[in-house]
Amino acid sequence: AFVPPPKVWSAVVGLAPHAVQPPPALFTAMERLTAAAFGQRRKMLRGSLRALGGEALLDRAGIAGDRRAETLDVAEFDRLARLTVNDRSGGDPDNS
């Protein structure tokens, strides 16, 4: 035990993988998007995602380019990743 006891709360969190994993192409696209989006602090998405399609990609996803990565939810990142895979393969990301 610590003296004095720390004034913090703690918890144990368990994580389990989904039974159905995303296709490798979609997983790779999500990794690239999140790395680019969060790679530079306080940068708007239109700039941080420029190499991946920037403003055009964001427009197609219905996401404003002046938003920052931390304001997107998982569904919005998923939509961007699926559009990225479609652009590269010309097909359905679930069948990649």
PDB file of N, CA and C in Angstrom:
ATOM      1  N   ALA A   1       0.839  -1.187   0.000  1.00  0.00           N
ATOM      2  CA  ALA A   1       0.000   0.000   0.000  1.00  0.00           C
ATOM      3  C   ALA A   1       0.879   1.245   0.000  1.00  0.00           C
ATOM      4  N   PHE A   2       0.349   2.290  -0.603  1.00  0.00           N
ATOM      5  CA  PHE A   2       1.072   3.554  -0.678  1.00  0.00           C
ATOM      6  C   PHE A   2       0.709   4.443   0.498  1.00  0.00           C
ATOM      7  N   VAL A   3       1.706   5.158   1.008  1.00  0.00           N
ATOM      8  CA  VAL A   3       1.462   6.106   2.091  1.00  0.00           C
ATOM      9  C   VAL A   3       1.999   7.450   1.633  1.00  0.00           C
ATOM     10  N   PRO A   4       1.231   8.457   1.543  1.00  0.00           N
ATOM     11  CA  PRO A   4      -0.231   8.480   1.695  1.00  0.00           C
ATOM     12  C   PRO A   4      -0.898   7.826   0.489  1.00  0.00           C
ATOM     13  N   PRO A   5      -2.102   7.322   0.659  1.00  0.00           N
ATOM     14  CA  PRO A   5      -2.793   6.675  -0.462  1.00  0.00           C
ATOM     15  C   PRO A   5      -3.039   7.682  -1.596  1.00  0.00           C
ATOM     16  N   PRO A   6      -2.807   7.277  -2.844  1.00  0.00           N
ATOM     17  CA  PRO A   6      -3.041   8.195  -3.970  1.00  0.00           C
ATOM     18  C   PRO A   6      -4.523   8.500  -4.141  1.00  0.00           C
ATOM     19  N   LYS A   7      -4.805   9.686  -4.615  1.00  0.00           N
ATOM     20  CA  LYS A   7      -6.198  10.104  -4.822  1.00  0.00           C
ATOM     21  C   LYS A   7      -6.591   9.840  -6.276  1.00  0.00           C
ATOM     22  N   VAL A   8      -6.635   8.579  -6.641  1.00  0.00           N
ATOM     23  CA  VAL A   8      -7.003   8.180  -8.000  1.00  0.00           C
ATOM     24  C   VAL A   8      -7.983   7.018  -7.951  1.00  0.00           C
ATOM     25  N   TRP A   9      -8.745   6.881  -9.011  1.00  0.00           N
ATOM     26  CA  TRP A   9      -9.627   5.733  -9.187  1.00  0.00           C
ATOM     27  C   TRP A   9      -8.963   4.812 -10.198  1.00  0.00           C
ATOM     28  N   SER A  10      -9.173   3.544 -10.044  1.00  0.00           N
ATOM     29  CA  SER A  10      -8.623   2.604 -11.012  1.00  0.00           C
ATOM     30  C   SER A  10      -9.657   1.547 -11.336  1.00  0.00           C
ATOM     31  N   ALA A  11      -9.450   0.895 -12.458  1.00  0.00           N
ATOM     32  CA  ALA A  11     -10.352  -0.167 -12.891  1.00  0.00           C
ATOM     33  C   ALA A  11      -9.590  -1.110 -13.806  1.00  0.00           C
ATOM     34  N   VAL A  12     -10.060  -2.331 -13.885  1.00  0.00           N
ATOM     35  CA  VAL A  12      -9.515  -3.309 -14.812  1.00  0.00           C
ATOM     36  C   VAL A  12     -10.490  -3.398 -15.980  1.00  0.00           C
ATOM     37  N   VAL A  13      -9.959  -3.277 -17.184  1.00  0.00           N
ATOM     38  CA  VAL A  13     -10.788  -3.319 -18.379  1.00  0.00           C
ATOM     39  C   VAL A  13     -10.375  -4.530 -19.196  1.00  0.00           C
ATOM     40  N   GLY A  14     -11.349  -5.332 -19.592  1.00  0.00           N
ATOM     41  CA  GLY A  14     -11.076  -6.486 -20.445  1.00  0.00           C
ATOM     42  C   GLY A  14     -11.499  -6.191 -21.872  1.00  0.00           C
ATOM     43  N   LEU A  15     -10.675  -6.577 -22.827  1.00  0.00           N
ATOM     44  CA  LEU A  15     -10.979  -6.389 -24.243  1.00  0.00           C
ATOM     45  C   LEU A  15     -11.001  -7.742 -24.936  1.00  0.00           C
ATOM     46  N   ALA A  16     -11.979  -7.931 -25.789  1.00  0.00           N
ATOM     47  CA  ALA A  16     -12.077  -9.173 -26.557  1.00  0.00           C
ATOM     48  C   ALA A  16     -12.253  -8.804 -28.029  1.00  0.00           C
ATOM     49  N   PRO A  17     -11.553  -9.476 -28.932  1.00  0.00           N
ATOM     50  CA  PRO A  17     -11.697  -9.157 -30.358  1.00  0.00           C
ATOM     51  C   PRO A  17     -13.080  -9.554 -30.875  1.00  0.00           C
ATOM     52  N   HIS A  18     -13.523  -8.844 -31.896  1.00  0.00           N
ATOM     53  CA  HIS A  18     -14.783  -9.199 -32.544  1.00  0.00           C
ATOM     54  C   HIS A  18     -14.656 -10.583 -33.173  1.00  0.00           C
ATOM     55  N   ALA A  19     -15.750 -11.292 -33.246  1.00  0.00           N
ATOM     56  CA  ALA A  19     -15.744 -12.619 -33.858  1.00  0.00           C
ATOM     57  C   ALA A  19     -15.417 -12.523 -35.348  1.00  0.00           C
ATOM     58  N   VAL A  20     -15.924 -11.485 -36.003  1.00  0.00           N
ATOM     59  CA  VAL A  20     -15.665 -11.272 -37.425  1.00  0.00           C
ATOM     60  C   VAL A  20     -14.700 -10.097 -37.549  1.00  0.00           C
ATOM     61  N   GLN A  21     -13.528 -10.364 -38.075  1.00  0.00           N
ATOM     62  CA  GLN A  21     -12.505  -9.332 -38.232  1.00  0.00           C
ATOM     63  C   GLN A  21     -12.721  -8.571 -39.545  1.00  0.00           C
ATOM     64  N   PRO A  22     -12.354  -7.285 -39.579  1.00  0.00           N
ATOM     65  CA  PRO A  22     -12.489  -6.534 -40.830  1.00  0.00           C
ATOM     66  C   PRO A  22     -11.512  -7.064 -41.875  1.00  0.00           C
ATOM     67  N   PRO A  23     -11.828  -6.866 -43.146  1.00  0.00           N
ATOM     68  CA  PRO A  23     -10.900  -7.286 -44.196  1.00  0.00           C
ATOM     69  C   PRO A  23      -9.561  -6.560 -44.027  1.00  0.00           C
ATOM     70  N   PRO A  24      -8.467  -7.198 -44.411  1.00  0.00           N
ATOM     71  CA  PRO A  24      -7.145  -6.578 -44.246  1.00  0.00           C
ATOM     72  C   PRO A  24      -7.029  -5.194 -44.891  1.00  0.00           C
ATOM     73  N   ALA A  25      -7.621  -5.002 -46.060  1.00  0.00           N
ATOM     74  CA  ALA A  25      -7.526  -3.701 -46.737  1.00  0.00           C
ATOM     75  C   ALA A  25      -8.206  -2.607 -45.922  1.00  0.00           C
ATOM     76  N   LEU A  26      -9.332  -2.921 -45.310  1.00  0.00           N
ATOM     77  CA  LEU A  26     -10.049  -1.944 -44.494  1.00  0.00           C
ATOM     78  C   LEU A  26      -9.273  -1.643 -43.215  1.00  0.00           C
ATOM     79  N   PHE A  27      -8.699  -2.664 -42.614  1.00  0.00           N
ATOM     80  CA  PHE A  27      -7.889  -2.487 -41.407  1.00  0.00           C
ATOM     81  C   PHE A  27      -6.681  -1.597 -41.707  1.00  0.00           C
ATOM     82  N   THR A  28      -6.011  -1.843 -42.829  1.00  0.00           N
ATOM     83  CA  THR A  28      -4.851  -1.046 -43.233  1.00  0.00           C
ATOM     84  C   THR A  28      -5.252   0.405 -43.493  1.00  0.00           C
ATOM     85  N   ALA A  29      -6.378   0.605 -44.174  1.00  0.00           N
ATOM     86  CA  ALA A  29      -6.854   1.965 -44.454  1.00  0.00           C
ATOM     87  C   ALA A  29      -7.155   2.704 -43.155  1.00  0.00           C
ATOM     88  N   MET A  30      -7.756   2.025 -42.195  1.00  0.00           N
ATOM     89  CA  MET A  30      -8.067   2.652 -40.909  1.00  0.00           C
ATOM     90  C   MET A  30      -6.782   3.039 -40.174  1.00  0.00           C
ATOM     91  N   GLU A  31      -5.777   2.172 -40.219  1.00  0.00           N
ATOM     92  CA  GLU A  31      -4.492   2.496 -39.580  1.00  0.00           C
ATOM     93  C   GLU A  31      -3.864   3.733 -40.215  1.00  0.00           C
ATOM     94  N   ARG A  32      -3.871   3.791 -41.542  1.00  0.00           N
ATOM     95  CA  ARG A  32      -3.271   4.939 -42.239  1.00  0.00           C
ATOM     96  C   ARG A  32      -4.036   6.224 -41.940  1.00  0.00           C
ATOM     97  N   LEU A  33      -5.368   6.139 -41.939  1.00  0.00           N
ATOM     98  CA  LEU A  33      -6.184   7.321 -41.666  1.00  0.00           C
ATOM     99  C   LEU A  33      -5.960   7.857 -40.259  1.00  0.00           C
ATOM    100  N   THR A  34      -5.994   6.977 -39.279  1.00  0.00           N
ATOM    101  CA  THR A  34      -5.831   7.447 -37.901  1.00  0.00           C
ATOM    102  C   THR A  34      -4.420   7.973 -37.666  1.00  0.00           C
ATOM    103  N   ALA A  35      -3.415   7.340 -38.262  1.00  0.00           N
ATOM    104  CA  ALA A  35      -2.040   7.832 -38.112  1.00  0.00           C
ATOM    105  C   ALA A  35      -1.902   9.224 -38.727  1.00  0.00           C
ATOM    106  N   ALA A  36      -2.475   9.423 -39.910  1.00  0.00           N
ATOM    107  CA  ALA A  36      -2.395  10.732 -40.567  1.00  0.00           C
ATOM    108  C   ALA A  36      -3.212  11.776 -39.810  1.00  0.00           C
ATOM    109  N   ALA A  37      -4.411  11.402 -39.391  1.00  0.00           N
ATOM    110  CA  ALA A  37      -5.301  12.353 -38.724  1.00  0.00           C
ATOM    111  C   ALA A  37      -4.750  12.820 -37.382  1.00  0.00           C
ATOM    112  N   PHE A  38      -4.167  11.897 -36.620  1.00  0.00           N
ATOM    113  CA  PHE A  38      -3.666  12.244 -35.292  1.00  0.00           C
ATOM    114  C   PHE A  38      -2.162  12.528 -35.285  1.00  0.00           C
ATOM    115  N   GLY A  39      -1.521  12.469 -36.442  1.00  0.00           N
ATOM    116  CA  GLY A  39      -0.070  12.616 -36.519  1.00  0.00           C
ATOM    117  C   GLY A  39       0.457  13.992 -36.165  1.00  0.00           C
ATOM    118  N   GLN A  40      -0.337  15.010 -36.396  1.00  0.00           N
ATOM    119  CA  GLN A  40       0.093  16.369 -36.073  1.00  0.00           C
ATOM    120  C   GLN A  40      -0.968  17.015 -35.197  1.00  0.00           C
ATOM    121  N   ARG A  41      -0.562  17.444 -34.033  1.00  0.00           N
ATOM    122  CA  ARG A  41      -1.511  18.007 -33.077  1.00  0.00           C
ATOM    123  C   ARG A  41      -2.168  19.268 -33.615  1.00  0.00           C
ATOM    124  N   ARG A  42      -3.436  19.413 -33.273  1.00  0.00           N
ATOM    125  CA  ARG A  42      -4.201  20.631 -33.527  1.00  0.00           C
ATOM    126  C   ARG A  42      -4.264  21.016 -35.003  1.00  0.00           C
ATOM    127  N   LYS A  43      -4.196  20.043 -35.873  1.00  0.00           N
ATOM    128  CA  LYS A  43      -4.265  20.327 -37.305  1.00  0.00           C
ATOM    129  C   LYS A  43      -5.649  19.932 -37.819  1.00  0.00           C
ATOM    130  N   MET A  44      -6.186  20.737 -38.736  1.00  0.00           N
ATOM    131  CA  MET A  44      -7.481  20.413 -39.318  1.00  0.00           C
ATOM    132  C   MET A  44      -7.338  19.219 -40.261  1.00  0.00           C
ATOM    133  N   LEU A  45      -8.425  18.470 -40.405  1.00  0.00           N
ATOM    134  CA  LEU A  45      -8.395  17.245 -41.205  1.00  0.00           C
ATOM    135  C   LEU A  45      -8.028  17.492 -42.665  1.00  0.00           C
ATOM    136  N   ARG A  46      -8.462  18.602 -43.247  1.00  0.00           N
ATOM    137  CA  ARG A  46      -8.151  18.847 -44.663  1.00  0.00           C
ATOM    138  C   ARG A  46      -6.646  18.866 -44.900  1.00  0.00           C
ATOM    139  N   GLY A  47      -5.882  19.317 -43.919  1.00  0.00           N
ATOM    140  CA  GLY A  47      -4.428  19.338 -44.043  1.00  0.00           C
ATOM    141  C   GLY A  47      -3.787  18.020 -43.673  1.00  0.00           C
ATOM    142  N   SER A  48      -4.249  17.425 -42.584  1.00  0.00           N
ATOM    143  CA  SER A  48      -3.611  16.191 -42.123  1.00  0.00           C
ATOM    144  C   SER A  48      -3.919  15.002 -43.028  1.00  0.00           C
ATOM    145  N   LEU A  49      -5.033  15.048 -43.759  1.00  0.00           N
ATOM    146  CA  LEU A  49      -5.396  13.939 -44.657  1.00  0.00           C
ATOM    147  C   LEU A  49      -5.116  14.261 -46.125  1.00  0.00           C
ATOM    148  N   ARG A  50      -4.353  15.311 -46.385  1.00  0.00           N
ATOM    149  CA  ARG A  50      -4.087  15.741 -47.767  1.00  0.00           C
ATOM    150  C   ARG A  50      -3.542  14.601 -48.630  1.00  0.00           C
ATOM    151  N   ALA A  51      -2.603  13.826 -48.110  1.00  0.00           N
ATOM    152  CA  ALA A  51      -1.982  12.747 -48.889  1.00  0.00           C
ATOM    153  C   ALA A  51      -2.951  11.600 -49.174  1.00  0.00           C
ATOM    154  N   LEU A  52      -4.053  11.524 -48.430  1.00  0.00           N
ATOM    155  CA  LEU A  52      -5.012  10.429 -48.608  1.00  0.00           C
ATOM    156  C   LEU A  52      -6.274  10.864 -49.349  1.00  0.00           C
ATOM    157  N   GLY A  53      -6.290  12.067 -49.861  1.00  0.00           N
ATOM    158  CA  GLY A  53      -7.467  12.531 -50.587  1.00  0.00           C
ATOM    159  C   GLY A  53      -7.991  13.848 -50.063  1.00  0.00           C
ATOM    160  N   GLY A  54      -7.567  14.236 -48.881  1.00  0.00           N
ATOM    161  CA  GLY A  54      -7.878  15.537 -48.299  1.00  0.00           C
ATOM    162  C   GLY A  54      -9.318  15.967 -48.393  1.00  0.00           C
ATOM    163  N   GLU A  55      -9.500  17.181 -48.907  1.00  0.00           N
ATOM    164  CA  GLU A  55     -10.817  17.815 -48.950  1.00  0.00           C
ATOM    165  C   GLU A  55     -11.822  17.000 -49.769  1.00  0.00           C
ATOM    166  N   ALA A  56     -11.391  16.416 -50.886  1.00  0.00           N
ATOM    167  CA  ALA A  56     -12.310  15.636 -51.727  1.00  0.00           C
ATOM    168  C   ALA A  56     -12.831  14.414 -50.972  1.00  0.00           C
ATOM    169  N   LEU A  57     -11.952  13.718 -50.267  1.00  0.00           N
ATOM    170  CA  LEU A  57     -12.355  12.552 -49.478  1.00  0.00           C
ATOM    171  C   LEU A  57     -13.322  12.963 -48.379  1.00  0.00           C
ATOM    172  N   LEU A  58     -13.004  14.046 -47.691  1.00  0.00           N
ATOM    173  CA  LEU A  58     -13.865  14.528 -46.611  1.00  0.00           C
ATOM    174  C   LEU A  58     -15.228  14.952 -47.142  1.00  0.00           C
ATOM    175  N   ASP A  59     -15.263  15.624 -48.285  1.00  0.00           N
ATOM    176  CA  ASP A  59     -16.538  16.034 -48.892  1.00  0.00           C
ATOM    177  C   ASP A  59     -17.409  14.822 -49.189  1.00  0.00           C
ATOM    178  N   ARG A  60     -16.811  13.790 -49.772  1.00  0.00           N
ATOM    179  CA  ARG A  60     -17.579  12.583 -50.110  1.00  0.00           C
ATOM    180  C   ARG A  60     -18.098  11.877 -48.865  1.00  0.00           C
ATOM    181  N   ALA A  61     -17.369  12.004 -47.761  1.00  0.00           N
ATOM    182  CA  ALA A  61     -17.790  11.379 -46.501  1.00  0.00           C
ATOM    183  C   ALA A  61     -18.761  12.265 -45.729  1.00  0.00           C
ATOM    184  N   GLY A  62     -18.967  13.494 -46.202  1.00  0.00           N
ATOM    185  CA  GLY A  62     -19.866  14.408 -45.503  1.00  0.00           C
ATOM    186  C   GLY A  62     -19.267  14.957 -44.216  1.00  0.00           C
ATOM    187  N   ILE A  63     -17.948  15.134 -44.213  1.00  0.00           N
ATOM    188  CA  ILE A  63     -17.236  15.613 -43.025  1.00  0.00           C
ATOM    189  C   ILE A  63     -16.560  16.935 -43.375  1.00  0.00           C
ATOM    190  N   ALA A  64     -16.756  17.941 -42.543  1.00  0.00           N
ATOM    191  CA  ALA A  64     -16.164  19.260 -42.777  1.00  0.00           C
ATOM    192  C   ALA A  64     -14.648  19.195 -42.627  1.00  0.00           C
ATOM    193  N   GLY A  65     -13.944  19.819 -43.549  1.00  0.00           N
ATOM    194  CA  GLY A  65     -12.484  19.808 -43.540  1.00  0.00           C
ATOM    195  C   GLY A  65     -11.858  20.599 -42.416  1.00  0.00           C
ATOM    196  N   ASP A  66     -12.635  21.474 -41.777  1.00  0.00           N
ATOM    197  CA  ASP A  66     -12.075  22.269 -40.686  1.00  0.00           C
ATOM    198  C   ASP A  66     -12.204  21.592 -39.321  1.00  0.00           C
ATOM    199  N   ARG A  67     -12.691  20.365 -39.317  1.00  0.00           N
ATOM    200  CA  ARG A  67     -12.750  19.611 -38.057  1.00  0.00           C
ATOM    201  C   ARG A  67     -11.387  19.028 -37.736  1.00  0.00           C
ATOM    202  N   ARG A  68     -11.213  18.629 -36.495  1.00  0.00           N
ATOM    203  CA  ARG A  68      -9.972  17.996 -36.059  1.00  0.00           C
ATOM    204  C   ARG A  68     -10.249  16.528 -35.761  1.00  0.00           C
ATOM    205  N   ALA A  69      -9.197  15.728 -35.799  1.00  0.00           N
ATOM    206  CA  ALA A  69      -9.336  14.274 -35.652  1.00  0.00           C
ATOM    207  C   ALA A  69     -10.085  13.878 -34.392  1.00  0.00           C
ATOM    208  N   GLU A  70      -9.821  14.560 -33.292  1.00  0.00           N
ATOM    209  CA  GLU A  70     -10.441  14.165 -32.026  1.00  0.00           C
ATOM    210  C   GLU A  70     -11.943  14.409 -31.984  1.00  0.00           C
ATOM    211  N   THR A  71     -12.495  15.116 -32.994  1.00  0.00           N
ATOM    212  CA  THR A  71     -13.939  15.359 -33.018  1.00  0.00           C
ATOM    213  C   THR A  71     -14.696  14.299 -33.808  1.00  0.00           C
ATOM    214  N   LEU A  72     -13.988  13.425 -34.533  1.00  0.00           N
ATOM    215  CA  LEU A  72     -14.649  12.376 -35.308  1.00  0.00           C
ATOM    216  C   LEU A  72     -14.977  11.185 -34.424  1.00  0.00           C
ATOM    217  N   ASP A  73     -16.095  10.533 -34.722  1.00  0.00           N
ATOM    218  CA  ASP A  73     -16.413   9.301 -34.003  1.00  0.00           C
ATOM    219  C   ASP A  73     -15.964   8.102 -34.843  1.00  0.00           C
ATOM    220  N   VAL A  74     -16.127   6.923 -34.300  1.00  0.00           N
ATOM    221  CA  VAL A  74     -15.658   5.710 -34.970  1.00  0.00           C
ATOM    222  C   VAL A  74     -16.366   5.518 -36.316  1.00  0.00           C
ATOM    223  N   ALA A  75     -17.659   5.810 -36.367  1.00  0.00           N
ATOM    224  CA  ALA A  75     -18.411   5.638 -37.615  1.00  0.00           C
ATOM    225  C   ALA A  75     -17.869   6.552 -38.717  1.00  0.00           C
ATOM    226  N   GLU A  76     -17.451   7.761 -38.358  1.00  0.00           N
ATOM    227  CA  GLU A  76     -16.906   8.671 -39.368  1.00  0.00           C
ATOM    228  C   GLU A  76     -15.547   8.190 -39.870  1.00  0.00           C
ATOM    229  N   PHE A  77     -14.703   7.679 -38.968  1.00  0.00           N
ATOM    230  CA  PHE A  77     -13.431   7.103 -39.414  1.00  0.00           C
ATOM    231  C   PHE A  77     -13.679   5.878 -40.288  1.00  0.00           C
ATOM    232  N   ASP A  78     -14.680   5.070 -39.937  1.00  0.00           N
ATOM    233  CA  ASP A  78     -15.012   3.894 -40.743  1.00  0.00           C
ATOM    234  C   ASP A  78     -15.453   4.320 -42.145  1.00  0.00           C
ATOM    235  N   ARG A  79     -16.275   5.356 -42.224  1.00  0.00           N
ATOM    236  CA  ARG A  79     -16.738   5.847 -43.527  1.00  0.00           C
ATOM    237  C   ARG A  79     -15.550   6.318 -44.376  1.00  0.00           C
ATOM    238  N   LEU A  80     -14.623   7.045 -43.770  1.00  0.00           N
ATOM    239  CA  LEU A  80     -13.434   7.493 -44.496  1.00  0.00           C
ATOM    240  C   LEU A  80     -12.586   6.312 -44.965  1.00  0.00           C
ATOM    241  N   ALA A  81     -12.412   5.315 -44.100  1.00  0.00           N
ATOM    242  CA  ALA A  81     -11.607   4.140 -44.462  1.00  0.00           C
ATOM    243  C   ALA A  81     -12.250   3.383 -45.622  1.00  0.00           C
ATOM    244  N   ARG A  82     -13.558   3.216 -45.587  1.00  0.00           N
ATOM    245  CA  ARG A  82     -14.253   2.504 -46.663  1.00  0.00           C
ATOM    246  C   ARG A  82     -14.144   3.256 -47.989  1.00  0.00           C
ATOM    247  N   LEU A  83     -14.253   4.576 -47.941  1.00  0.00           N
ATOM    248  CA  LEU A  83     -14.081   5.364 -49.165  1.00  0.00           C
ATOM    249  C   LEU A  83     -12.662   5.234 -49.702  1.00  0.00           C
ATOM    250  N   THR A  84     -11.683   5.212 -48.814  1.00  0.00           N
ATOM    251  CA  THR A  84     -10.287   5.057 -49.225  1.00  0.00           C
ATOM    252  C   THR A  84     -10.070   3.714 -49.906  1.00  0.00           C
ATOM    253  N   VAL A  85     -10.620   2.644 -49.334  1.00  0.00           N
ATOM    254  CA  VAL A  85     -10.483   1.306 -49.929  1.00  0.00           C
ATOM    255  C   VAL A  85     -11.191   1.261 -51.277  1.00  0.00           C
ATOM    256  N   ASN A  86     -12.388   1.840 -51.356  1.00  0.00           N
ATOM    257  CA  ASN A  86     -13.114   1.871 -52.628  1.00  0.00           C
ATOM    258  C   ASN A  86     -12.318   2.603 -53.697  1.00  0.00           C
ATOM    259  N   ASP A  87     -11.672   3.703 -53.320  1.00  0.00           N
ATOM    260  CA  ASP A  87     -10.869   4.466 -54.281  1.00  0.00           C
ATOM    261  C   ASP A  87      -9.710   3.639 -54.810  1.00  0.00           C
ATOM    262  N   ARG A  88      -9.093   2.870 -53.941  1.00  0.00           N
ATOM    263  CA  ARG A  88      -7.911   2.091 -54.335  1.00  0.00           C
ATOM    264  C   ARG A  88      -8.282   0.837 -55.118  1.00  0.00           C
ATOM    265  N   SER A  89      -9.368   0.178 -54.720  1.00  0.00           N
ATOM    266  CA  SER A  89      -9.696  -1.109 -55.338  1.00  0.00           C
ATOM    267  C   SER A  89     -10.858  -1.026 -56.319  1.00  0.00           C
ATOM    268  N   GLY A  90     -11.643   0.028 -56.200  1.00  0.00           N
ATOM    269  CA  GLY A  90     -12.820   0.143 -57.049  1.00  0.00           C
ATOM    270  C   GLY A  90     -13.911  -0.826 -56.658  1.00  0.00           C
ATOM    271  N   GLY A  91     -13.832  -1.366 -55.439  1.00  0.00           N
ATOM    272  CA  GLY A  91     -14.819  -2.353 -55.021  1.00  0.00           C
ATOM    273  C   GLY A  91     -15.284  -2.170 -53.601  1.00  0.00           C
ATOM    274  N   ASP A  92     -15.958  -3.180 -53.111  1.00  0.00           N
ATOM    275  CA  ASP A  92     -16.521  -3.201 -51.769  1.00  0.00           C
ATOM    276  C   ASP A  92     -15.428  -3.549 -50.764  1.00  0.00           C
ATOM    277  N   PRO A  93     -15.199  -2.701 -49.734  1.00  0.00           N
ATOM    278  CA  PRO A  93     -14.141  -2.992 -48.766  1.00  0.00           C
ATOM    279  C   PRO A  93     -14.375  -4.268 -47.972  1.00  0.00           C
ATOM    280  N   ASP A  94     -15.620  -4.712 -47.871  1.00  0.00           N
ATOM    281  CA  ASP A  94     -15.899  -5.945 -47.135  1.00  0.00           C
ATOM    282  C   ASP A  94     -15.523  -7.186 -47.924  1.00  0.00           C
ATOM    283  N   ASN A  95     -15.250  -7.022 -49.198  1.00  0.00           N
ATOM    284  CA  ASN A  95     -14.865  -8.164 -50.026  1.00  0.00           C
ATOM    285  C   ASN A  95     -13.422  -8.056 -50.501  1.00  0.00           C
ATOM    286  N   SER A  96     -12.632  -7.229 -49.818  1.00  0.00           N
ATOM    287  CA  SER A  96     -11.227  -7.033 -50.217  1.00  0.00           C
ATOM    288  C   SER A  96     -10.342  -8.091 -49.638  1.00  0.00           C
TER     289      SER A  96
END
